[in-house]
PDB file of N, CA and C in Angstrom:
ATOM      1  N   MET A   1       0.644   4.371  15.421  1.00  0.00           N
ATOM      2  CA  MET A   1       0.514   3.711  14.138  1.00  0.00           C
ATOM      3  C   MET A   1       0.996   4.643  13.031  1.00  0.00           C
ATOM      4  N   LYS A   2       1.582   4.024  12.022  1.00  0.00           N
ATOM      5  CA  LYS A   2       2.062   4.793  10.882  1.00  0.00           C
ATOM      6  C   LYS A   2       1.481   4.163   9.615  1.00  0.00           C
ATOM      7  N   LYS A   3       0.977   5.022   8.741  1.00  0.00           N
ATOM      8  CA  LYS A   3       0.404   4.562   7.478  1.00  0.00           C
ATOM      9  C   LYS A   3       1.441   4.710   6.378  1.00  0.00           C
ATOM     10  N   LEU A   4       1.621   3.623   5.610  1.00  0.00           N
ATOM     11  CA  LEU A   4       2.562   3.619   4.494  1.00  0.00           C
ATOM     12  C   LEU A   4       1.815   3.602   3.177  1.00  0.00           C
ATOM     13  N   TYR A   5       2.289   4.394   2.233  1.00  0.00           N
ATOM     14  CA  TYR A   5       1.819   4.341   0.851  1.00  0.00           C
ATOM     15  C   TYR A   5       2.663   3.273   0.159  1.00  0.00           C
ATOM     16  N   VAL A   6       2.005   2.357  -0.540  1.00  0.00           N
ATOM     17  CA  VAL A   6       2.702   1.316  -1.290  1.00  0.00           C
ATOM     18  C   VAL A   6       2.271   1.473  -2.744  1.00  0.00           C
ATOM     19  N   GLY A   7       3.203   1.864  -3.609  1.00  0.00           N
ATOM     20  CA  GLY A   7       2.880   2.128  -5.002  1.00  0.00           C
ATOM     21  C   GLY A   7       3.667   1.267  -5.961  1.00  0.00           C
ATOM     22  N   ASN A   8       3.267   1.335  -7.209  1.00  0.00           N
ATOM     23  CA  ASN A   8       3.886   0.596  -8.307  1.00  0.00           C
ATOM     24  C   ASN A   8       3.732  -0.911  -8.113  1.00  0.00           C
ATOM     25  N   ILE A   9       2.606  -1.306  -7.540  1.00  0.00           N
ATOM     26  CA  ILE A   9       2.296  -2.718  -7.317  1.00  0.00           C
ATOM     27  C   ILE A   9       1.779  -3.295  -8.629  1.00  0.00           C
ATOM     28  N   PRO A  10       2.251  -4.491  -9.022  1.00  0.00           N
ATOM     29  CA  PRO A  10       1.706  -5.112 -10.238  1.00  0.00           C
ATOM     30  C   PRO A  10       0.183  -5.275 -10.122  1.00  0.00           C
ATOM     31  N   PHE A  11      -0.512  -5.064 -11.212  1.00  0.00           N
ATOM     32  CA  PHE A  11      -1.976  -5.100 -11.206  1.00  0.00           C
ATOM     33  C   PHE A  11      -2.538  -6.475 -10.882  1.00  0.00           C
ATOM     34  N   THR A  12      -1.741  -7.523 -11.020  1.00  0.00           N
ATOM     35  CA  THR A  12      -2.205  -8.882 -10.742  1.00  0.00           C
ATOM     36  C   THR A  12      -2.003  -9.284  -9.278  1.00  0.00           C
ATOM     37  N   THR A  13      -1.399  -8.418  -8.485  1.00  0.00           N
ATOM     38  CA  THR A  13      -1.113  -8.723  -7.082  1.00  0.00           C
ATOM     39  C   THR A  13      -2.401  -8.758  -6.267  1.00  0.00           C
ATOM     40  N   THR A  14      -2.481  -9.743  -5.357  1.00  0.00           N
ATOM     41  CA  THR A  14      -3.663  -9.893  -4.507  1.00  0.00           C
ATOM     42  C   THR A  14      -3.416  -9.289  -3.128  1.00  0.00           C
ATOM     43  N   GLU A  15      -4.488  -9.076  -2.398  1.00  0.00           N
ATOM     44  CA  GLU A  15      -4.391  -8.574  -1.027  1.00  0.00           C
ATOM     45  C   GLU A  15      -3.590  -9.546  -0.160  1.00  0.00           C
ATOM     46  N   GLU A  16      -3.773 -10.845  -0.372  1.00  0.00           N
ATOM     47  CA  GLU A  16      -3.047 -11.853   0.393  1.00  0.00           C
ATOM     48  C   GLU A  16      -1.542 -11.752   0.158  1.00  0.00           C
ATOM     49  N   GLU A  17      -1.141 -11.446  -1.071  1.00  0.00           N
ATOM     50  CA  GLU A  17       0.285 -11.297  -1.378  1.00  0.00           C
ATOM     51  C   GLU A  17       0.881 -10.074  -0.678  1.00  0.00           C
ATOM     52  N   ILE A  18       0.128  -8.997  -0.609  1.00  0.00           N
ATOM     53  CA  ILE A  18       0.600  -7.795   0.082  1.00  0.00           C
ATOM     54  C   ILE A  18       0.688  -8.074   1.589  1.00  0.00           C
ATOM     55  N   LYS A  19      -0.314  -8.769   2.123  1.00  0.00           N
ATOM     56  CA  LYS A  19      -0.260  -9.149   3.537  1.00  0.00           C
ATOM     57  C   LYS A  19       0.989  -9.969   3.823  1.00  0.00           C
ATOM     58  N   ALA A  20       1.265 -10.955   2.977  1.00  0.00           N
ATOM     59  CA  ALA A  20       2.424 -11.820   3.169  1.00  0.00           C
ATOM     60  C   ALA A  20       3.732 -11.030   3.105  1.00  0.00           C
ATOM     61  N   LEU A  21       3.745  -9.963   2.333  1.00  0.00           N
ATOM     62  CA  LEU A  21       4.929  -9.124   2.197  1.00  0.00           C
ATOM     63  C   LEU A  21       5.195  -8.299   3.464  1.00  0.00           C
ATOM     64  N   PHE A  22       4.122  -7.815   4.106  1.00  0.00           N
ATOM     65  CA  PHE A  22       4.263  -6.928   5.256  1.00  0.00           C
ATOM     66  C   PHE A  22       4.173  -7.630   6.612  1.00  0.00           C
ATOM     67  N   GLU A  23       3.539  -8.791   6.699  1.00  0.00           N
ATOM     68  CA  GLU A  23       3.361  -9.463   7.984  1.00  0.00           C
ATOM     69  C   GLU A  23       4.666  -9.807   8.699  1.00  0.00           C
ATOM     70  N   PRO A  24       5.775 -10.122   8.003  1.00  0.00           N
ATOM     71  CA  PRO A  24       7.009 -10.405   8.734  1.00  0.00           C
ATOM     72  C   PRO A  24       7.506  -9.227   9.590  1.00  0.00           C
ATOM     73  N   PHE A  25       7.035  -8.023   9.312  1.00  0.00           N
ATOM     74  CA  PHE A  25       7.466  -6.843  10.059  1.00  0.00           C
ATOM     75  C   PHE A  25       6.625  -6.606  11.302  1.00  0.00           C
ATOM     76  N   GLY A  26       5.482  -7.258  11.394  1.00  0.00           N
ATOM     77  CA  GLY A  26       4.610  -7.109  12.555  1.00  0.00           C
ATOM     78  C   GLY A  26       3.159  -7.158  12.135  1.00  0.00           C
ATOM     79  N   PRO A  27       2.270  -7.128  13.136  1.00  0.00           N
ATOM     80  CA  PRO A  27       0.841  -7.197  12.820  1.00  0.00           C
ATOM     81  C   PRO A  27       0.382  -5.992  11.991  1.00  0.00           C
ATOM     82  N   ILE A  28      -0.401  -6.270  10.974  1.00  0.00           N
ATOM     83  CA  ILE A  28      -0.942  -5.216  10.106  1.00  0.00           C
ATOM     84  C   ILE A  28      -2.220  -4.688  10.739  1.00  0.00           C
ATOM     85  N   GLU A  29      -2.237  -3.399  11.016  1.00  0.00           N
ATOM     86  CA  GLU A  29      -3.422  -2.769  11.602  1.00  0.00           C
ATOM     87  C   GLU A  29      -4.513  -2.603  10.541  1.00  0.00           C
ATOM     88  N   SER A  30      -4.116  -2.171   9.342  1.00  0.00           N
ATOM     89  CA  SER A  30      -5.086  -2.041   8.244  1.00  0.00           C
ATOM     90  C   SER A  30      -4.359  -2.166   6.910  1.00  0.00           C
ATOM     91  N   LEU A  31      -5.101  -2.611   5.923  1.00  0.00           N
ATOM     92  CA  LEU A  31      -4.605  -2.763   4.558  1.00  0.00           C
ATOM     93  C   LEU A  31      -5.720  -2.331   3.627  1.00  0.00           C
ATOM     94  N   ASN A  32      -5.405  -1.395   2.734  1.00  0.00           N
ATOM     95  CA  ASN A  32      -6.421  -0.880   1.815  1.00  0.00           C
ATOM     96  C   ASN A  32      -5.806  -0.759   0.423  1.00  0.00           C
ATOM     97  N   LEU A  33      -6.175  -1.658  -0.481  1.00  0.00           N
ATOM     98  CA  LEU A  33      -5.736  -1.564  -1.868  1.00  0.00           C
ATOM     99  C   LEU A  33      -6.787  -0.771  -2.624  1.00  0.00           C
ATOM    100  N   ILE A  34      -6.355   0.167  -3.444  1.00  0.00           N
ATOM    101  CA  ILE A  34      -7.264   1.102  -4.105  1.00  0.00           C
ATOM    102  C   ILE A  34      -7.714   0.545  -5.459  1.00  0.00           C
ATOM    103  N   HIS A  35      -9.034   0.587  -5.664  1.00  0.00           N
ATOM    104  CA  HIS A  35      -9.643   0.108  -6.910  1.00  0.00           C
ATOM    105  C   HIS A  35     -10.366   1.264  -7.591  1.00  0.00           C
ATOM    106  N   ASP A  36     -10.420   1.206  -8.901  1.00  0.00           N
ATOM    107  CA  ASP A  36     -11.129   2.227  -9.680  1.00  0.00           C
ATOM    108  C   ASP A  36     -12.610   2.187  -9.325  1.00  0.00           C
ATOM    109  N   ARG A  37     -13.167   3.336  -9.094  1.00  0.00           N
ATOM    110  CA  ARG A  37     -14.564   3.450  -8.696  1.00  0.00           C
ATOM    111  C   ARG A  37     -15.516   2.941  -9.777  1.00  0.00           C
ATOM    112  N   ASP A  38     -15.196   3.200 -11.040  1.00  0.00           N
ATOM    113  CA  ASP A  38     -16.099   2.837 -12.123  1.00  0.00           C
ATOM    114  C   ASP A  38     -15.927   1.399 -12.602  1.00  0.00           C
ATOM    115  N   THR A  39     -14.667   0.948 -12.725  1.00  0.00           N
ATOM    116  CA  THR A  39     -14.423  -0.388 -13.292  1.00  0.00           C
ATOM    117  C   THR A  39     -14.172  -1.452 -12.236  1.00  0.00           C
ATOM    118  N   GLY A  40     -13.791  -1.031 -11.025  1.00  0.00           N
ATOM    119  CA  GLY A  40     -13.477  -1.986  -9.975  1.00  0.00           C
ATOM    120  C   GLY A  40     -12.092  -2.597 -10.094  1.00  0.00           C
ATOM    121  N   ARG A  41     -11.321  -2.168 -11.099  1.00  0.00           N
ATOM    122  CA  ARG A  41      -9.969  -2.713 -11.303  1.00  0.00           C
ATOM    123  C   ARG A  41      -8.987  -2.100 -10.308  1.00  0.00           C
ATOM    124  N   PHE A  42      -8.036  -2.919  -9.871  1.00  0.00           N
ATOM    125  CA  PHE A  42      -6.986  -2.483  -8.960  1.00  0.00           C
ATOM    126  C   PHE A  42      -6.145  -1.416  -9.650  1.00  0.00           C
ATOM    127  N   ARG A  43      -5.835  -0.326  -8.946  1.00  0.00           N
ATOM    128  CA  ARG A  43      -5.115   0.803  -9.539  1.00  0.00           C
ATOM    129  C   ARG A  43      -3.602   0.750  -9.339  1.00  0.00           C
ATOM    130  N   GLY A  44      -3.085  -0.272  -8.637  1.00  0.00           N
ATOM    131  CA  GLY A  44      -1.644  -0.424  -8.509  1.00  0.00           C
ATOM    132  C   GLY A  44      -1.024   0.245  -7.307  1.00  0.00           C
ATOM    133  N   PHE A  45      -1.858   0.667  -6.335  1.00  0.00           N
ATOM    134  CA  PHE A  45      -1.317   1.232  -5.107  1.00  0.00           C
ATOM    135  C   PHE A  45      -2.276   0.996  -3.961  1.00  0.00           C
ATOM    136  N   GLY A  46      -1.771   1.194  -2.766  1.00  0.00           N
ATOM    137  CA  GLY A  46      -2.596   1.006  -1.584  1.00  0.00           C
ATOM    138  C   GLY A  46      -1.901   1.545  -0.358  1.00  0.00           C
ATOM    139  N   PHE A  47      -2.480   1.244   0.800  1.00  0.00           N
ATOM    140  CA  PHE A  47      -1.975   1.740   2.074  1.00  0.00           C
ATOM    141  C   PHE A  47      -1.940   0.606   3.081  1.00  0.00           C
ATOM    142  N   VAL A  48      -0.860   0.570   3.865  1.00  0.00           N
ATOM    143  CA  VAL A  48      -0.687  -0.414   4.923  1.00  0.00           C
ATOM    144  C   VAL A  48      -0.369   0.345   6.200  1.00  0.00           C
ATOM    145  N   GLU A  49      -1.021  -0.036   7.290  1.00  0.00           N
ATOM    146  CA  GLU A  49      -0.783   0.628   8.560  1.00  0.00           C
ATOM    147  C   GLU A  49      -0.166  -0.370   9.536  1.00  0.00           C
ATOM    148  N   LEU A  50       0.998   0.025  10.100  1.00  0.00           N
ATOM    149  CA  LEU A  50       1.735  -0.782  11.068  1.00  0.00           C
ATOM    150  C   LEU A  50       2.150   0.098  12.236  1.00  0.00           C
ATOM    151  N   GLU A  51       2.636  -0.535  13.321  1.00  0.00           N
ATOM    152  CA  GLU A  51       3.205   0.234  14.426  1.00  0.00           C
ATOM    153  C   GLU A  51       4.388   1.039  13.890  1.00  0.00           C
ATOM    154  N   ASP A  52       4.660   2.188  14.517  1.00  0.00           N
ATOM    155  CA  ASP A  52       5.666   3.132  14.017  1.00  0.00           C
ATOM    156  C   ASP A  52       7.010   2.497  13.683  1.00  0.00           C
ATOM    157  N   ASP A  53       7.612   1.778  14.639  1.00  0.00           N
ATOM    158  CA  ASP A  53       8.938   1.214  14.393  1.00  0.00           C
ATOM    159  C   ASP A  53       8.902   0.105  13.356  1.00  0.00           C
ATOM    160  N   LYS A  54       7.839  -0.678  13.342  1.00  0.00           N
ATOM    161  CA  LYS A  54       7.678  -1.756  12.354  1.00  0.00           C
ATOM    162  C   LYS A  54       7.484  -1.167  10.955  1.00  0.00           C
ATOM    163  N   ALA A  55       6.717  -0.074  10.872  1.00  0.00           N
ATOM    164  CA  ALA A  55       6.459   0.578   9.587  1.00  0.00           C
ATOM    165  C   ALA A  55       7.750   1.134   9.005  1.00  0.00           C
ATOM    166  N   GLU A  56       8.579   1.725   9.840  1.00  0.00           N
ATOM    167  CA  GLU A  56       9.838   2.291   9.348  1.00  0.00           C
ATOM    168  C   GLU A  56      10.763   1.191   8.828  1.00  0.00           C
ATOM    169  N   LYS A  57      10.797   0.076   9.526  1.00  0.00           N
ATOM    170  CA  LYS A  57      11.630  -1.045   9.078  1.00  0.00           C
ATOM    171  C   LYS A  57      11.097  -1.606   7.753  1.00  0.00           C
ATOM    172  N   ALA A  58       9.770  -1.752   7.654  1.00  0.00           N
ATOM    173  CA  ALA A  58       9.153  -2.245   6.415  1.00  0.00           C
ATOM    174  C   ALA A  58       9.452  -1.296   5.258  1.00  0.00           C
ATOM    175  N   ARG A  59       9.343   0.009   5.507  1.00  0.00           N
ATOM    176  CA  ARG A  59       9.615   0.997   4.462  1.00  0.00           C
ATOM    177  C   ARG A  59      11.058   0.875   3.983  1.00  0.00           C
ATOM    178  N   ALA A  60      11.973   0.783   4.916  1.00  0.00           N
ATOM    179  CA  ALA A  60      13.393   0.716   4.566  1.00  0.00           C
ATOM    180  C   ALA A  60      13.723  -0.550   3.763  1.00  0.00           C
ATOM    181  N   GLU A  61      13.107  -1.668   4.117  1.00  0.00           N
ATOM    182  CA  GLU A  61      13.441  -2.934   3.457  1.00  0.00           C
ATOM    183  C   GLU A  61      12.662  -3.186   2.164  1.00  0.00           C
ATOM    184  N   LEU A  62      11.458  -2.641   2.062  1.00  0.00           N
ATOM    185  CA  LEU A  62      10.627  -2.960   0.901  1.00  0.00           C
ATOM    186  C   LEU A  62      10.656  -1.896  -0.199  1.00  0.00           C
ATOM    187  N   ASP A  63      11.059  -0.677   0.126  1.00  0.00           N
ATOM    188  CA  ASP A  63      11.130   0.358  -0.903  1.00  0.00           C
ATOM    189  C   ASP A  63      12.184  -0.044  -1.948  1.00  0.00           C
ATOM    190  N   GLY A  64      11.757  -0.161  -3.191  1.00  0.00           N
ATOM    191  CA  GLY A  64      12.658  -0.543  -4.272  1.00  0.00           C
ATOM    192  C   GLY A  64      12.710  -2.043  -4.521  1.00  0.00           C
ATOM    193  N   LYS A  65      11.987  -2.830  -3.719  1.00  0.00           N
ATOM    194  CA  LYS A  65      11.974  -4.286  -3.897  1.00  0.00           C
ATOM    195  C   LYS A  65      11.262  -4.640  -5.198  1.00  0.00           C
ATOM    196  N   ASP A  66      11.828  -5.584  -5.935  1.00  0.00           N
ATOM    197  CA  ASP A  66      11.245  -6.039  -7.195  1.00  0.00           C
ATOM    198  C   ASP A  66      10.128  -7.030  -6.901  1.00  0.00           C
ATOM    199  N   ILE A  67       8.926  -6.694  -7.313  1.00  0.00           N
ATOM    200  CA  ILE A  67       7.769  -7.575  -7.186  1.00  0.00           C
ATOM    201  C   ILE A  67       7.138  -7.695  -8.567  1.00  0.00           C
ATOM    202  N   GLY A  68       7.156  -8.885  -9.119  1.00  0.00           N
ATOM    203  CA  GLY A  68       6.546  -9.100 -10.435  1.00  0.00           C
ATOM    204  C   GLY A  68       7.122  -8.219 -11.522  1.00  0.00           C
ATOM    205  N   GLY A  69       8.417  -7.900 -11.443  1.00  0.00           N
ATOM    206  CA  GLY A  69       9.050  -7.074 -12.452  1.00  0.00           C
ATOM    207  C   GLY A  69       8.884  -5.578 -12.251  1.00  0.00           C
ATOM    208  N   ARG A  70       8.278  -5.180 -11.137  1.00  0.00           N
ATOM    209  CA  ARG A  70       8.100  -3.754 -10.836  1.00  0.00           C
ATOM    210  C   ARG A  70       8.764  -3.438  -9.510  1.00  0.00           C
ATOM    211  N   MET A  71       9.341  -2.251  -9.421  1.00  0.00           N
ATOM    212  CA  MET A  71      10.003  -1.813  -8.198  1.00  0.00           C
ATOM    213  C   MET A  71       8.978  -1.118  -7.294  1.00  0.00           C
ATOM    214  N   LEU A  72       8.718  -1.700  -6.125  1.00  0.00           N
ATOM    215  CA  LEU A  72       7.774  -1.096  -5.197  1.00  0.00           C
ATOM    216  C   LEU A  72       8.265   0.260  -4.719  1.00  0.00           C
ATOM    217  N   ARG A  73       7.325   1.149  -4.505  1.00  0.00           N
ATOM    218  CA  ARG A  73       7.605   2.427  -3.844  1.00  0.00           C
ATOM    219  C   ARG A  73       6.872   2.386  -2.510  1.00  0.00           C
ATOM    220  N   VAL A  74       7.624   2.492  -1.435  1.00  0.00           N
ATOM    221  CA  VAL A  74       7.026   2.477  -0.100  1.00  0.00           C
ATOM    222  C   VAL A  74       7.484   3.736   0.622  1.00  0.00           C
ATOM    223  N   ASN A  75       6.528   4.581   0.971  1.00  0.00           N
ATOM    224  CA  ASN A  75       6.791   5.851   1.652  1.00  0.00           C
ATOM    225  C   ASN A  75       5.769   6.046   2.760  1.00  0.00           C
ATOM    226  N   GLU A  76       6.097   6.941   3.688  1.00  0.00           N
ATOM    227  CA  GLU A  76       5.102   7.304   4.680  1.00  0.00           C
ATOM    228  C   GLU A  76       3.980   8.062   3.967  1.00  0.00           C
ATOM    229  N   ALA A  77       2.753   7.689   4.256  1.00  0.00           N
ATOM    230  CA  ALA A  77       1.601   8.297   3.579  1.00  0.00           C
ATOM    231  C   ALA A  77       1.295   9.661   4.158  1.00  0.00           C
ATOM    232  N   ASP A  78       0.870  10.575   3.291  1.00  0.00           N
ATOM    233  CA  ASP A  78       0.360  11.875   3.718  1.00  0.00           C
ATOM    234  C   ASP A  78      -1.121  11.701   4.005  1.00  0.00           C
ATOM    235  N   ASP A  79      -1.555  12.138   5.164  1.00  0.00           N
ATOM    236  CA  ASP A  79      -2.988  12.078   5.451  1.00  0.00           C
ATOM    237  C   ASP A  79      -3.644  13.339   4.925  1.00  0.00           C
ATOM    238  N   ARG A  80      -4.120  13.239   3.724  1.00  0.00           N
ATOM    239  CA  ARG A  80      -4.802  14.375   3.093  1.00  0.00           C
ATOM    240  C   ARG A  80      -6.302  14.153   3.166  1.00  0.00           C
ATOM    241  N   PRO A  81      -7.057  15.221   3.345  1.00  0.00           N
ATOM    242  CA  PRO A  81      -8.510  15.060   3.316  1.00  0.00           C
ATOM    243  C   PRO A  81      -8.953  14.618   1.920  1.00  0.00           C
ATOM    244  N   ARG A  82      -9.941  13.774   1.875  1.00  0.00           N
ATOM    245  CA  ARG A  82     -10.435  13.264   0.603  1.00  0.00           C
ATOM    246  C   ARG A  82     -11.144  14.366  -0.174  1.00  0.00           C
ATOM    247  N   LYS A  83     -10.854  14.435  -1.468  1.00  0.00           N
ATOM    248  CA  LYS A  83     -11.524  15.422  -2.310  1.00  0.00           C
ATOM    249  C   LYS A  83     -12.946  14.956  -2.595  1.00  0.00           C
ATOM    250  N   ARG A  84     -13.816  15.898  -2.681  1.00  0.00           N
ATOM    251  CA  ARG A  84     -15.198  15.559  -3.005  1.00  0.00           C
ATOM    252  C   ARG A  84     -15.330  15.403  -4.508  1.00  0.00           C
ATOM    253  N   ASP A  85     -16.117  14.476  -4.907  1.00  0.00           N
ATOM    254  CA  ASP A  85     -16.358  14.205  -6.321  1.00  0.00           C
ATOM    255  C   ASP A  85     -17.685  14.831  -6.707  1.00  0.00           C
ATOM    256  N   TYR A  86     -17.626  15.870  -7.489  1.00  0.00           N
ATOM    257  CA  TYR A  86     -18.840  16.601  -7.884  1.00  0.00           C
ATOM    258  C   TYR A  86     -19.281  16.216  -9.277  1.00  0.00           C
ATOM    259  N   ARG A  87     -19.557  14.951  -9.469  1.00  0.00           N
ATOM    260  CA  ARG A  87     -20.094  14.522 -10.781  1.00  0.00           C
ATOM    261  C   ARG A  87     -21.575  14.807 -10.837  1.00  0.00           C
ATOM    262  N   TRP A  88     -22.016  15.285 -11.956  1.00  0.00           N
ATOM    263  CA  TRP A  88     -23.439  15.592 -12.112  1.00  0.00           C
ATOM    264  C   TRP A  88     -24.060  14.573 -12.949  1.00  0.00           C
TER     265      TRP A  88
END
C-alpha cells in the first residue's frame, strides 16, 4: 500500500467527492481528510491510501488537476511520527 498526500483541496469539497476522484484507480484502503482540532473546519488536505501501482497512476493523473478552481497537489506521503501537542 502507498499513502498519497492530497493538498490544495477546495474547502467545500466533501469526502464523497474525494472518494469519487480516486475510486476509478482502484479500491481505496483508507481516506483521511484533515480537520482543524479547535474549529472542526476542513484544512484543505488529506491522505488517500491505495495499492502501490494504483497510487502511482492516481498521482500521475491527478497531480495538477483543477478541482473547484484549485490545482490539486498529489504526492507520495512522508510517514512522519506525529508531533506531541504540549498545550497547558
